[in-house]
C-alpha cells in the first residue's frame, strides 16, 4: 500500500476514535518525518488518555473515602444514639446544638461530590467545629480544642477533610487512656508562600518508628492492627497530599509513646479551588 494512502486511512481511523493503528511503510524522505510525527502524536494521545483515566480513578476513590469519613454508619449511629440519650434526659438545648451540627456536616458531605477536592481553611474550620460540638456531648469534659489560625490564611484552599481526621484521631485514640482533660491545638500559618497546618495533642502518642513508616508510606493500612484508625487516617492524608501536590506537599509526624503527637502538613498556598 502506498505511504500516502496508508497514512490517510490511519488518520481516518484516529478521527473515529481508534488509536490502535500502525504504519508499516519505510521511507527515507519527508514521509519518514511525517510518519514519525504521526506515531509520536498517537503515543502522546494514548499517554494523556491513560493519565486522565488514572486521575479520574483517583478522584473517585478520594471522593468516596472523604464521603465515608464524614458520614460513615458508625458516626451516624453514635450521633443519633447520643441524641436519644439527651432526649431521655430532656436536654433540649443540647439536642438542638447536636442536630444543627449534624446537619452542617451532612450538608458539607453532600457537596463532596462536586468537581473540586478543595475547601477554604475557614470552611474546614466550620466543619470541624460542628464535629467537635457533637463529640463534646459524647465525650463530656474529655478534651478541649484550641484554634490558632492567622486571618490571612482563612481564605486559602486546602484539601477537603484534611484537618478533621487529625482531630478525630486525637479524640478517639490520643485520649483513650488519658485521665485528665486532653488538649488539641490546631495551628495554621503562612510562611514564604507555603501554608503550614499542624494539629497537636497531648495524648498517648505512637512510636517514632511507626511515625516514620507512615510518613514514608511503608506501613500500608492493610497491615495495621485492628482498630488502629489513627494510622489509617494518616496514611490516607499522606496519599492524598502526594496525589494533589506531588513533591510540593509534605507530611511530618512528631510523636512518642511517652505522650503527645504533632502532625504537620506543609502545602503550597492555593487561593482558588479550580483544578
C-alpha atoms as a PDB file:
ATOM      1  CA  UNK A   1       0.000   0.000   0.000  1.00  0.00           C
ATOM      2  CA  UNK A   2       1.359   3.409  -0.931  1.00  0.00           C
ATOM      3  CA  UNK A   3       2.536   5.517   2.071  1.00  0.00           C
ATOM      4  CA  UNK A   4       0.159   8.443   1.441  1.00  0.00           C
ATOM      5  CA  UNK A   5      -2.860   6.162   1.151  1.00  0.00           C
ATOM      6  CA  UNK A   6      -1.819   4.251   4.275  1.00  0.00           C
ATOM      7  CA  UNK A   7      -1.456   7.429   6.297  1.00  0.00           C
ATOM      8  CA  UNK A   8      -4.802   8.753   5.035  1.00  0.00           C
ATOM      9  CA  UNK A   9      -6.569   5.586   6.219  1.00  0.00           C
ATOM     10  CA  UNK A  10      -4.706   5.701   9.544  1.00  0.00           C
ATOM     11  CA  UNK A  11      -5.779   9.295  10.152  1.00  0.00           C
ATOM     12  CA  UNK A  12      -9.375   8.398   9.342  1.00  0.00           C
ATOM     13  CA  UNK A  13      -9.233   5.606  11.949  1.00  0.00           C
ATOM     14  CA  UNK A  14      -7.876   8.049  14.548  1.00  0.00           C
ATOM     15  CA  UNK A  15     -10.650  10.549  13.752  1.00  0.00           C
ATOM     16  CA  UNK A  16     -13.144   7.757  14.509  1.00  0.00           C
ATOM     17  CA  UNK A  17     -11.576   7.127  17.925  1.00  0.00           C
ATOM     18  CA  UNK A  18      -9.358   4.168  17.058  1.00  0.00           C
ATOM     19  CA  UNK A  19      -5.834   4.930  18.251  1.00  0.00           C
ATOM     20  CA  UNK A  20      -4.539   1.397  17.797  1.00  0.00           C
ATOM     21  CA  UNK A  21      -3.196   1.948  14.303  1.00  0.00           C
ATOM     22  CA  UNK A  22       0.245   1.257  12.896  1.00  0.00           C
ATOM     23  CA  UNK A  23       2.118   2.498   9.851  1.00  0.00           C
ATOM     24  CA  UNK A  24       4.180  -0.231   8.228  1.00  0.00           C
ATOM     25  CA  UNK A  25       5.899   1.588   5.378  1.00  0.00           C
ATOM     26  CA  UNK A  26       9.518   2.697   5.384  1.00  0.00           C
ATOM     27  CA  UNK A  27      10.785   5.847   3.818  1.00  0.00           C
ATOM     28  CA  UNK A  28      13.949   7.937   3.784  1.00  0.00           C
ATOM     29  CA  UNK A  29      12.382  11.185   2.644  1.00  0.00           C
ATOM     30  CA  UNK A  30       9.934  13.734   4.103  1.00  0.00           C
ATOM     31  CA  UNK A  31       7.358  10.985   4.574  1.00  0.00           C
ATOM     32  CA  UNK A  32       9.583   9.489   7.253  1.00  0.00           C
ATOM     33  CA  UNK A  33       9.395  12.732   9.245  1.00  0.00           C
ATOM     34  CA  UNK A  34       5.621  12.791   8.825  1.00  0.00           C
ATOM     35  CA  UNK A  35       5.342   9.130   9.857  1.00  0.00           C
ATOM     36  CA  UNK A  36       7.457   9.674  12.999  1.00  0.00           C
ATOM     37  CA  UNK A  37       5.440  12.752  13.928  1.00  0.00           C
ATOM     38  CA  UNK A  38       2.176  10.885  13.466  1.00  0.00           C
ATOM     39  CA  UNK A  39       3.337   7.968  15.634  1.00  0.00           C
ATOM     40  CA  UNK A  40       4.608  10.378  18.298  1.00  0.00           C
ATOM     41  CA  UNK A  41       1.230  12.123  18.296  1.00  0.00           C
ATOM     42  CA  UNK A  42      -0.575   8.799  18.780  1.00  0.00           C
ATOM     43  CA  UNK A  43       1.752   7.917  21.661  1.00  0.00           C
ATOM     44  CA  UNK A  44       1.094  11.276  23.327  1.00  0.00           C
ATOM     45  CA  UNK A  45      -2.665  10.897  22.936  1.00  0.00           C
ATOM     46  CA  UNK A  46      -2.649   7.384  24.414  1.00  0.00           C
ATOM     47  CA  UNK A  47      -0.456   8.503  27.320  1.00  0.00           C
ATOM     48  CA  UNK A  48      -2.651  11.507  28.077  1.00  0.00           C
ATOM     49  CA  UNK A  49      -5.792   9.382  27.931  1.00  0.00           C
ATOM     50  CA  UNK A  50      -4.244   6.836  30.261  1.00  0.00           C
ATOM     51  CA  UNK A  51      -3.206   9.582  32.688  1.00  0.00           C
ATOM     52  CA  UNK A  52      -6.689  11.098  32.543  1.00  0.00           C
ATOM     53  CA  UNK A  53      -8.304   7.739  33.306  1.00  0.00           C
ATOM     54  CA  UNK A  54      -5.936   7.268  36.251  1.00  0.00           C
ATOM     55  CA  UNK A  55      -6.666  10.776  37.540  1.00  0.00           C
ATOM     56  CA  UNK A  56     -10.413  10.162  37.369  1.00  0.00           C
ATOM     57  CA  UNK A  57      -9.983   6.837  39.165  1.00  0.00           C
ATOM     58  CA  UNK A  58      -8.031   8.506  41.971  1.00  0.00           C
ATOM     59  CA  UNK A  59     -10.540  11.343  42.168  1.00  0.00           C
ATOM     60  CA  UNK A  60     -13.469   8.921  42.506  1.00  0.00           C
ATOM     61  CA  UNK A  61     -11.546   6.934  45.102  1.00  0.00           C
ATOM     62  CA  UNK A  62     -10.725  10.013  47.180  1.00  0.00           C
ATOM     63  CA  UNK A  63     -14.274  11.361  46.896  1.00  0.00           C
ATOM     64  CA  UNK A  64     -15.686   8.063  48.155  1.00  0.00           C
ATOM     65  CA  UNK A  65     -13.204   7.974  51.032  1.00  0.00           C
ATOM     66  CA  UNK A  66     -13.999  11.557  52.021  1.00  0.00           C
ATOM     67  CA  UNK A  67     -17.718  10.872  51.951  1.00  0.00           C
ATOM     68  CA  UNK A  68     -17.352   7.754  54.087  1.00  0.00           C
ATOM     69  CA  UNK A  69     -15.037   9.542  56.519  1.00  0.00           C
ATOM     70  CA  UNK A  70     -17.634  12.227  57.207  1.00  0.00           C
ATOM     71  CA  UNK A  71     -20.880  10.250  57.299  1.00  0.00           C
ATOM     72  CA  UNK A  72     -19.882   6.647  57.883  1.00  0.00           C
ATOM     73  CA  UNK A  73     -22.592   4.472  59.503  1.00  0.00           C
ATOM     74  CA  UNK A  74     -20.702   4.251  62.795  1.00  0.00           C
ATOM     75  CA  UNK A  75     -20.629   8.046  63.152  1.00  0.00           C
ATOM     76  CA  UNK A  76     -24.322   8.365  62.272  1.00  0.00           C
ATOM     77  CA  UNK A  77     -25.299   5.638  64.737  1.00  0.00           C
ATOM     78  CA  UNK A  78     -23.296   7.164  67.606  1.00  0.00           C
ATOM     79  CA  UNK A  79     -24.652  10.647  66.903  1.00  0.00           C
ATOM     80  CA  UNK A  80     -28.280   9.540  66.828  1.00  0.00           C
ATOM     81  CA  UNK A  81     -27.749   7.344  69.867  1.00  0.00           C
ATOM     82  CA  UNK A  82     -26.458  10.375  71.770  1.00  0.00           C
ATOM     83  CA  UNK A  83     -29.490  12.393  70.651  1.00  0.00           C
ATOM     84  CA  UNK A  84     -31.770   9.656  72.028  1.00  0.00           C
ATOM     85  CA  UNK A  85     -29.877   9.722  75.329  1.00  0.00           C
ATOM     86  CA  UNK A  86     -30.201  13.519  75.559  1.00  0.00           C
ATOM     87  CA  UNK A  87     -33.907  13.286  74.737  1.00  0.00           C
ATOM     88  CA  UNK A  88     -34.421  10.934  77.659  1.00  0.00           C
ATOM     89  CA  UNK A  89     -32.636  13.479  79.843  1.00  0.00           C
ATOM     90  CA  UNK A  90     -34.841  16.214  78.319  1.00  0.00           C
ATOM     91  CA  UNK A  91     -31.754  18.242  77.458  1.00  0.00           C
ATOM     92  CA  UNK A  92     -33.380  20.014  74.513  1.00  0.00           C
ATOM     93  CA  UNK A  93     -30.696  22.692  74.177  1.00  0.00           C
ATOM     94  CA  UNK A  94     -28.051  20.035  73.663  1.00  0.00           C
ATOM     95  CA  UNK A  95     -30.263  18.192  71.185  1.00  0.00           C
ATOM     96  CA  UNK A  96     -30.744  21.363  69.139  1.00  0.00           C
ATOM     97  CA  UNK A  97     -26.998  22.037  69.035  1.00  0.00           C
ATOM     98  CA  UNK A  98     -26.170  18.459  68.080  1.00  0.00           C
ATOM     99  CA  UNK A  99     -28.781  18.285  65.329  1.00  0.00           C
ATOM    100  CA  UNK A 100     -27.694  21.625  63.867  1.00  0.00           C
ATOM    101  CA  UNK A 101     -24.070  20.450  63.824  1.00  0.00           C
ATOM    102  CA  UNK A 102     -25.073  17.104  62.324  1.00  0.00           C
ATOM    103  CA  UNK A 103     -26.999  18.878  59.550  1.00  0.00           C
ATOM    104  CA  UNK A 104     -23.946  21.069  58.895  1.00  0.00           C
ATOM    105  CA  UNK A 105     -21.755  18.009  58.434  1.00  0.00           C
ATOM    106  CA  UNK A 106     -24.318  16.321  56.180  1.00  0.00           C
ATOM    107  CA  UNK A 107     -24.601  19.473  54.075  1.00  0.00           C
ATOM    108  CA  UNK A 108     -20.843  19.544  53.560  1.00  0.00           C
ATOM    109  CA  UNK A 109     -20.796  15.816  52.772  1.00  0.00           C
ATOM    110  CA  UNK A 110     -23.383  16.334  50.026  1.00  0.00           C
ATOM    111  CA  UNK A 111     -21.085  18.920  48.454  1.00  0.00           C
ATOM    112  CA  UNK A 112     -18.167  16.458  48.386  1.00  0.00           C
ATOM    113  CA  UNK A 113     -19.485  15.135  45.118  1.00  0.00           C
ATOM    114  CA  UNK A 114     -18.741  18.367  43.225  1.00  0.00           C
ATOM    115  CA  UNK A 115     -15.795  18.885  40.907  1.00  0.00           C
ATOM    116  CA  UNK A 116     -13.414  20.317  43.490  1.00  0.00           C
ATOM    117  CA  UNK A 117     -11.345  18.411  46.011  1.00  0.00           C
ATOM    118  CA  UNK A 118     -10.517  21.597  47.909  1.00  0.00           C
ATOM    119  CA  UNK A 119     -12.131  23.749  50.563  1.00  0.00           C
ATOM    120  CA  UNK A 120     -11.132  27.020  52.240  1.00  0.00           C
ATOM    121  CA  UNK A 121      -9.487  26.934  55.650  1.00  0.00           C
ATOM    122  CA  UNK A 122     -12.469  28.820  57.081  1.00  0.00           C
ATOM    123  CA  UNK A 123     -14.939  26.286  55.661  1.00  0.00           C
ATOM    124  CA  UNK A 124     -12.927  23.413  57.113  1.00  0.00           C
ATOM    125  CA  UNK A 125     -12.885  25.209  60.468  1.00  0.00           C
ATOM    126  CA  UNK A 126     -16.691  25.388  60.427  1.00  0.00           C
ATOM    127  CA  UNK A 127     -16.993  21.666  59.727  1.00  0.00           C
ATOM    128  CA  UNK A 128     -14.530  20.821  62.500  1.00  0.00           C
ATOM    129  CA  UNK A 129     -16.477  22.992  64.924  1.00  0.00           C
ATOM    130  CA  UNK A 130     -19.639  21.056  64.031  1.00  0.00           C
ATOM    131  CA  UNK A 131     -17.787  17.789  64.563  1.00  0.00           C
ATOM    132  CA  UNK A 132     -16.323  18.926  67.884  1.00  0.00           C
ATOM    133  CA  UNK A 133     -19.757  20.059  69.113  1.00  0.00           C
ATOM    134  CA  UNK A 134     -21.128  16.555  68.550  1.00  0.00           C
ATOM    135  CA  UNK A 135     -18.146  14.825  70.151  1.00  0.00           C
ATOM    136  CA  UNK A 136     -18.227  17.081  73.228  1.00  0.00           C
ATOM    137  CA  UNK A 137     -21.657  15.716  74.048  1.00  0.00           C
ATOM    138  CA  UNK A 138     -20.442  12.167  73.504  1.00  0.00           C
ATOM    139  CA  UNK A 139     -17.213  12.666  75.469  1.00  0.00           C
ATOM    140  CA  UNK A 140     -18.137  15.291  78.008  1.00  0.00           C
ATOM    141  CA  UNK A 141     -15.189  17.007  79.741  1.00  0.00           C
ATOM    142  CA  UNK A 142     -12.673  14.744  77.975  1.00  0.00           C
ATOM    143  CA  UNK A 143     -10.978  17.271  75.672  1.00  0.00           C
ATOM    144  CA  UNK A 144     -10.730  20.877  74.536  1.00  0.00           C
ATOM    145  CA  UNK A 145      -9.895  22.317  71.118  1.00  0.00           C
ATOM    146  CA  UNK A 146      -7.846  25.484  70.718  1.00  0.00           C
ATOM    147  CA  UNK A 147      -7.550  27.346  67.415  1.00  0.00           C
ATOM    148  CA  UNK A 148      -4.510  29.366  66.412  1.00  0.00           C
ATOM    149  CA  UNK A 149      -5.142  30.480  62.824  1.00  0.00           C
ATOM    150  CA  UNK A 150      -3.791  33.521  61.022  1.00  0.00           C
ATOM    151  CA  UNK A 151      -6.577  35.596  59.497  1.00  0.00           C
ATOM    152  CA  UNK A 152      -4.823  35.858  56.121  1.00  0.00           C
ATOM    153  CA  UNK A 153      -4.792  32.059  55.840  1.00  0.00           C
ATOM    154  CA  UNK A 154      -8.550  31.576  56.263  1.00  0.00           C
ATOM    155  CA  UNK A 155      -9.315  32.221  52.594  1.00  0.00           C
ATOM    156  CA  UNK A 156      -6.686  29.817  51.271  1.00  0.00           C
ATOM    157  CA  UNK A 157      -7.709  26.428  49.898  1.00  0.00           C
ATOM    158  CA  UNK A 158      -6.665  23.091  51.363  1.00  0.00           C
ATOM    159  CA  UNK A 159      -7.730  19.516  50.545  1.00  0.00           C
ATOM    160  CA  UNK A 160     -11.199  18.715  51.846  1.00  0.00           C
ATOM    161  CA  UNK A 161     -11.286  16.937  55.204  1.00  0.00           C
ATOM    162  CA  UNK A 162      -7.565  17.437  55.774  1.00  0.00           C
ATOM    163  CA  UNK A 163      -7.787  18.557  59.398  1.00  0.00           C
ATOM    164  CA  UNK A 164     -10.901  16.774  60.648  1.00  0.00           C
ATOM    165  CA  UNK A 165      -9.377  13.241  60.614  1.00  0.00           C
ATOM    166  CA  UNK A 166      -6.457  14.503  62.709  1.00  0.00           C
ATOM    167  CA  UNK A 167      -8.828  15.982  65.305  1.00  0.00           C
ATOM    168  CA  UNK A 168     -10.898  12.796  65.251  1.00  0.00           C
ATOM    169  CA  UNK A 169      -7.801  10.651  65.821  1.00  0.00           C
ATOM    170  CA  UNK A 170      -6.747  12.731  68.804  1.00  0.00           C
ATOM    171  CA  UNK A 171     -10.205  12.472  70.404  1.00  0.00           C
ATOM    172  CA  UNK A 172     -10.770   8.758  69.828  1.00  0.00           C
ATOM    173  CA  UNK A 173      -7.258   7.395  70.251  1.00  0.00           C
ATOM    174  CA  UNK A 174      -4.913  10.005  71.666  1.00  0.00           C
ATOM    175  CA  UNK A 175      -7.003  10.417  74.820  1.00  0.00           C
ATOM    176  CA  UNK A 176      -8.306   6.867  75.210  1.00  0.00           C
ATOM    177  CA  UNK A 177      -6.059   6.202  78.227  1.00  0.00           C
ATOM    178  CA  UNK A 178      -5.780   9.763  79.491  1.00  0.00           C
ATOM    179  CA  UNK A 179      -7.408  10.524  82.846  1.00  0.00           C
ATOM    180  CA  UNK A 180      -7.149  14.304  82.630  1.00  0.00           C
ATOM    181  CA  UNK A 181      -8.738  16.611  80.049  1.00  0.00           C
ATOM    182  CA  UNK A 182      -6.959  16.332  76.696  1.00  0.00           C
ATOM    183  CA  UNK A 183      -5.844  19.336  74.684  1.00  0.00           C
ATOM    184  CA  UNK A 184      -5.958  19.639  70.887  1.00  0.00           C
ATOM    185  CA  UNK A 185      -4.337  22.662  69.292  1.00  0.00           C
ATOM    186  CA  UNK A 186      -4.896  23.469  65.611  1.00  0.00           C
ATOM    187  CA  UNK A 187      -2.270  25.828  64.186  1.00  0.00           C
ATOM    188  CA  UNK A 188      -2.376  27.333  60.676  1.00  0.00           C
ATOM    189  CA  UNK A 189       0.329  29.730  59.463  1.00  0.00           C
ATOM    190  CA  UNK A 190       1.540  31.159  56.153  1.00  0.00           C
ATOM    191  CA  UNK A 191       5.285  31.082  55.629  1.00  0.00           C
ATOM    192  CA  UNK A 192       7.066  32.242  52.444  1.00  0.00           C
ATOM    193  CA  UNK A 193       4.348  31.167  50.046  1.00  0.00           C
ATOM    194  CA  UNK A 194       3.634  27.978  51.959  1.00  0.00           C
ATOM    195  CA  UNK A 195       0.777  27.001  54.240  1.00  0.00           C
ATOM    196  CA  UNK A 196       1.645  25.158  57.442  1.00  0.00           C
ATOM    197  CA  UNK A 197      -1.204  23.218  59.060  1.00  0.00           C
ATOM    198  CA  UNK A 198      -0.473  21.486  62.375  1.00  0.00           C
ATOM    199  CA  UNK A 199      -2.626  19.524  64.808  1.00  0.00           C
ATOM    200  CA  UNK A 200      -1.014  18.873  68.176  1.00  0.00           C
ATOM    201  CA  UNK A 201      -2.387  16.826  71.054  1.00  0.00           C
ATOM    202  CA  UNK A 202      -1.079  15.723  74.452  1.00  0.00           C
ATOM    203  CA  UNK A 203      -2.416  12.172  74.142  1.00  0.00           C
ATOM    204  CA  UNK A 204      -0.799   8.747  74.230  1.00  0.00           C
ATOM    205  CA  UNK A 205       1.260   9.136  71.034  1.00  0.00           C
ATOM    206  CA  UNK A 206       2.942   6.438  68.941  1.00  0.00           C
ATOM    207  CA  UNK A 207       6.452   5.107  68.450  1.00  0.00           C
ATOM    208  CA  UNK A 208       8.894   7.108  66.336  1.00  0.00           C
ATOM    209  CA  UNK A 209       9.442   4.054  64.148  1.00  0.00           C
ATOM    210  CA  UNK A 210       5.737   3.831  63.309  1.00  0.00           C
ATOM    211  CA  UNK A 211       5.571   7.580  62.649  1.00  0.00           C
ATOM    212  CA  UNK A 212       8.491   7.327  60.196  1.00  0.00           C
ATOM    213  CA  UNK A 213       6.873   4.365  58.440  1.00  0.00           C
ATOM    214  CA  UNK A 214       3.640   6.300  57.920  1.00  0.00           C
ATOM    215  CA  UNK A 215       5.487   9.334  56.555  1.00  0.00           C
ATOM    216  CA  UNK A 216       7.433   7.159  54.111  1.00  0.00           C
ATOM    217  CA  UNK A 217       4.359   5.186  53.078  1.00  0.00           C
ATOM    218  CA  UNK A 218       5.917   1.859  54.081  1.00  0.00           C
ATOM    219  CA  UNK A 219       3.165   0.928  56.541  1.00  0.00           C
ATOM    220  CA  UNK A 220       0.056   0.212  54.443  1.00  0.00           C
ATOM    221  CA  UNK A 221      -3.264   0.245  56.280  1.00  0.00           C
ATOM    222  CA  UNK A 222      -3.946  -3.429  55.471  1.00  0.00           C
ATOM    223  CA  UNK A 223      -1.092  -4.426  57.766  1.00  0.00           C
ATOM    224  CA  UNK A 224      -2.176  -2.286  60.690  1.00  0.00           C
ATOM    225  CA  UNK A 225      -3.620  -3.938  63.781  1.00  0.00           C
ATOM    226  CA  UNK A 226      -7.373  -3.917  64.203  1.00  0.00           C
ATOM    227  CA  UNK A 227      -8.719  -0.603  65.471  1.00  0.00           C
ATOM    228  CA  UNK A 228      -5.610   1.417  64.570  1.00  0.00           C
ATOM    229  CA  UNK A 229      -7.657   4.162  62.933  1.00  0.00           C
ATOM    230  CA  UNK A 230      -5.079   6.843  63.719  1.00  0.00           C
ATOM    231  CA  UNK A 231      -2.514   5.317  61.365  1.00  0.00           C
ATOM    232  CA  UNK A 232      -5.110   4.598  58.672  1.00  0.00           C
ATOM    233  CA  UNK A 233      -6.268   8.228  58.713  1.00  0.00           C
ATOM    234  CA  UNK A 234      -2.698   9.477  58.475  1.00  0.00           C
ATOM    235  CA  UNK A 235      -1.981   7.055  55.633  1.00  0.00           C
ATOM    236  CA  UNK A 236      -4.945   8.420  53.701  1.00  0.00           C
ATOM    237  CA  UNK A 237      -3.847  12.023  54.247  1.00  0.00           C
ATOM    238  CA  UNK A 238      -0.301  11.237  53.120  1.00  0.00           C
ATOM    239  CA  UNK A 239      -1.649   9.548  49.990  1.00  0.00           C
ATOM    240  CA  UNK A 240      -3.914  12.479  49.103  1.00  0.00           C
ATOM    241  CA  UNK A 241      -1.170  15.059  49.613  1.00  0.00           C
ATOM    242  CA  UNK A 242       1.140  13.100  47.340  1.00  0.00           C
ATOM    243  CA  UNK A 243      -1.543  12.855  44.645  1.00  0.00           C
ATOM    244  CA  UNK A 244      -2.649  16.513  44.802  1.00  0.00           C
ATOM    245  CA  UNK A 245       0.729  18.214  45.304  1.00  0.00           C
ATOM    246  CA  UNK A 246       3.471  15.750  44.375  1.00  0.00           C
ATOM    247  CA  UNK A 247       6.832  16.819  45.778  1.00  0.00           C
ATOM    248  CA  UNK A 248       5.441  20.221  46.810  1.00  0.00           C
ATOM    249  CA  UNK A 249       3.394  18.742  49.678  1.00  0.00           C
ATOM    250  CA  UNK A 250       4.814  17.261  52.841  1.00  0.00           C
ATOM    251  CA  UNK A 251       3.517  15.359  55.874  1.00  0.00           C
ATOM    252  CA  UNK A 252       5.564  15.378  59.083  1.00  0.00           C
ATOM    253  CA  UNK A 253       4.702  13.410  62.244  1.00  0.00           C
ATOM    254  CA  UNK A 254       6.361  14.042  65.590  1.00  0.00           C
ATOM    255  CA  UNK A 255       5.282  11.626  68.288  1.00  0.00           C
ATOM    256  CA  UNK A 256       6.485   9.388  71.094  1.00  0.00           C
ATOM    257  CA  UNK A 257       4.967   6.666  73.214  1.00  0.00           C
ATOM    258  CA  UNK A 258       5.619   8.847  76.261  1.00  0.00           C
ATOM    259  CA  UNK A 259       2.770  11.048  75.085  1.00  0.00           C
ATOM    260  CA  UNK A 260       1.789  13.640  72.530  1.00  0.00           C
ATOM    261  CA  UNK A 261       1.551  13.746  68.763  1.00  0.00           C
ATOM    262  CA  UNK A 262       2.032  16.616  66.349  1.00  0.00           C
ATOM    263  CA  UNK A 263       1.060  16.150  62.718  1.00  0.00           C
ATOM    264  CA  UNK A 264       2.101  18.933  60.350  1.00  0.00           C
ATOM    265  CA  UNK A 265       1.201  19.364  56.692  1.00  0.00           C
ATOM    266  CA  UNK A 266       3.172  21.789  54.528  1.00  0.00           C
ATOM    267  CA  UNK A 267       1.420  22.833  51.307  1.00  0.00           C
ATOM    268  CA  UNK A 268       1.813  25.445  48.575  1.00  0.00           C
ATOM    269  CA  UNK A 269      -0.565  28.366  49.092  1.00  0.00           C
ATOM    270  CA  UNK A 270      -3.637  27.872  46.918  1.00  0.00           C
ATOM    271  CA  UNK A 271      -6.077  30.765  46.605  1.00  0.00           C
ATOM    272  CA  UNK A 272      -8.598  29.195  44.233  1.00  0.00           C
ATOM    273  CA  UNK A 273     -10.362  25.851  44.071  1.00  0.00           C
ATOM    274  CA  UNK A 274     -10.113  25.206  40.317  1.00  0.00           C
ATOM    275  CA  UNK A 275      -8.078  22.132  39.393  1.00  0.00           C
END
